[in-house]
């Protein structure tokens, strides 16, 4: 897969996270204990992991980490401005934990042959 495609997929993932953060999905959510927190974690973990695999330079990875933490905060603020969603500081915390663990996970796994092959590290 070429780099342009990988970057495009990454930005589509960002768009999906923003879209899902702002639409009314409460009736479609399964009743799983802490399901929303699991979703928040997986979303931000995935974004951070993907972009950290894409960019080798530490300062670029750091900027993405900061950007995704800010994105998580902005989404919570925007949710509090809608009639169908509620901003939640705990969601912001889980988003941030997802970014941090994704950052560490990507550093650990970036040397795996499959990751190196796909992301051309």
Protein backbone atom coordinates (compact mmCIF):
# COMPACT_ATOMS: atom_id res chain seq x y z
CA UNK A 1 0.00 0.00 0.00
CA UNK A 2 1.46 3.38 -0.90
CA UNK A 3 2.03 6.15 1.62
CA UNK A 4 -0.61 8.47 0.16
CA UNK A 5 -3.26 5.79 0.65
CA UNK A 6 -2.15 5.20 4.25
CA UNK A 7 -2.31 8.93 5.01
CA UNK A 8 -5.75 9.16 3.38
CA UNK A 9 -7.00 6.24 5.47
CA UNK A 10 -5.67 7.96 8.59
CA UNK A 11 -7.50 11.20 7.86
CA UNK A 12 -10.68 9.25 7.05
CA UNK A 13 -10.35 7.65 10.49
CA UNK A 14 -10.12 11.13 12.03
CA UNK A 15 -13.27 12.13 10.11
CA UNK A 16 -15.11 9.04 11.35
CA UNK A 17 -14.17 9.82 14.96
CA UNK A 18 -15.39 13.42 14.59
CA UNK A 19 -18.60 12.29 12.87
CA UNK A 20 -19.38 9.63 15.47
CA UNK A 21 -18.58 12.07 18.27
CA UNK A 22 -21.23 14.53 17.11
CA UNK A 23 -24.13 12.47 15.74
CA UNK A 24 -27.04 11.17 17.80
CA UNK A 25 -26.13 7.52 18.38
CA UNK A 26 -27.59 6.94 21.85
CA UNK A 27 -30.43 4.74 20.59
CA UNK A 28 -28.05 2.68 18.45
CA UNK A 29 -25.54 2.01 21.23
CA UNK A 30 -25.64 -1.48 22.73
CA UNK A 31 -26.09 -1.63 26.49
CA UNK A 32 -22.55 -2.64 27.47
CA UNK A 33 -21.13 -1.61 30.81
CA UNK A 34 -18.61 1.18 30.14
CA UNK A 35 -19.17 0.64 26.40
CA UNK A 36 -18.84 4.34 25.63
CA UNK A 37 -15.50 4.51 27.46
CA UNK A 38 -14.24 1.48 25.55
CA UNK A 39 -15.27 3.20 22.31
CA UNK A 40 -13.48 6.42 23.28
CA UNK A 41 -10.32 4.53 24.19
CA UNK A 42 -10.29 2.48 20.99
CA UNK A 43 -10.93 5.53 18.79
CA UNK A 44 -8.06 7.62 20.15
CA UNK A 45 -5.73 4.62 20.60
CA UNK A 46 -6.30 3.76 16.93
CA UNK A 47 -5.73 7.30 15.69
CA UNK A 48 -2.50 7.70 17.64
CA UNK A 49 -1.17 4.29 16.69
CA UNK A 50 -1.92 4.81 12.99
CA UNK A 51 -0.30 8.23 12.75
CA UNK A 52 2.67 7.27 14.93
CA UNK A 53 3.32 4.36 12.55
CA UNK A 54 3.09 6.76 9.61
CA UNK A 55 5.58 9.32 10.92
CA UNK A 56 9.02 8.34 12.19
CA UNK A 57 10.21 11.70 13.46
CA UNK A 58 9.60 12.06 17.21
CA UNK A 59 8.59 15.73 16.98
CA UNK A 60 5.91 14.86 14.39
CA UNK A 61 4.59 12.04 16.57
CA UNK A 62 4.54 14.40 19.54
CA UNK A 63 2.54 16.95 17.55
CA UNK A 64 0.00 14.31 16.58
CA UNK A 65 -0.30 13.20 20.22
CA UNK A 66 -0.93 16.78 21.33
CA UNK A 67 -3.33 17.31 18.44
CA UNK A 68 -5.36 14.20 19.26
CA UNK A 69 -5.57 15.16 22.94
CA UNK A 70 -6.83 18.60 21.89
CA UNK A 71 -9.27 16.98 19.44
CA UNK A 72 -10.67 14.86 22.27
CA UNK A 73 -11.25 17.97 24.36
CA UNK A 74 -12.81 19.91 21.51
CA UNK A 75 -15.18 17.01 20.75
CA UNK A 76 -16.36 16.97 24.37
CA UNK A 77 -16.97 20.74 24.28
CA UNK A 78 -18.85 20.44 20.97
CA UNK A 79 -20.92 17.56 22.34
CA UNK A 80 -22.00 19.74 25.26
CA UNK A 81 -23.30 22.27 22.73
CA UNK A 82 -25.64 19.77 21.06
CA UNK A 83 -29.13 18.80 22.17
CA UNK A 84 -28.47 15.08 21.74
CA UNK A 85 -24.98 14.60 23.25
CA UNK A 86 -23.29 15.50 26.51
CA UNK A 87 -19.68 16.46 27.04
CA UNK A 88 -17.99 14.39 29.72
CA UNK A 89 -14.64 15.07 31.39
CA UNK A 90 -14.22 11.32 31.96
CA UNK A 91 -14.51 10.75 28.20
CA UNK A 92 -11.76 13.32 27.70
CA UNK A 93 -9.59 11.46 30.21
CA UNK A 94 -10.21 8.15 28.43
CA UNK A 95 -9.42 9.78 25.06
CA UNK A 96 -6.14 11.04 26.47
CA UNK A 97 -5.27 7.63 27.93
CA UNK A 98 -5.99 6.12 24.50
CA UNK A 99 -3.57 8.57 22.89
CA UNK A 100 -0.83 7.88 25.45
CA UNK A 101 -1.16 4.10 25.26
CA UNK A 102 -1.36 4.27 21.45
CA UNK A 103 1.84 6.31 21.44
CA UNK A 104 3.66 3.73 23.57
CA UNK A 105 2.13 0.78 21.70
CA UNK A 106 3.23 2.19 18.34
CA UNK A 107 6.79 2.66 19.60
CA UNK A 108 6.90 -0.95 20.80
CA UNK A 109 5.32 -2.44 17.67
CA UNK A 110 6.98 -0.28 15.02
CA UNK A 111 9.76 -2.87 14.69
CA UNK A 112 7.40 -5.75 13.88
CA UNK A 113 7.99 -7.00 10.31
CA UNK A 114 4.34 -6.57 9.28
CA UNK A 115 4.17 -2.99 10.56
CA UNK A 116 7.50 -2.14 8.94
CA UNK A 117 6.32 -3.61 5.65
CA UNK A 118 2.91 -1.89 5.56
CA UNK A 119 4.05 1.50 6.85
CA UNK A 120 7.48 1.31 5.21
CA UNK A 121 9.33 2.09 8.45
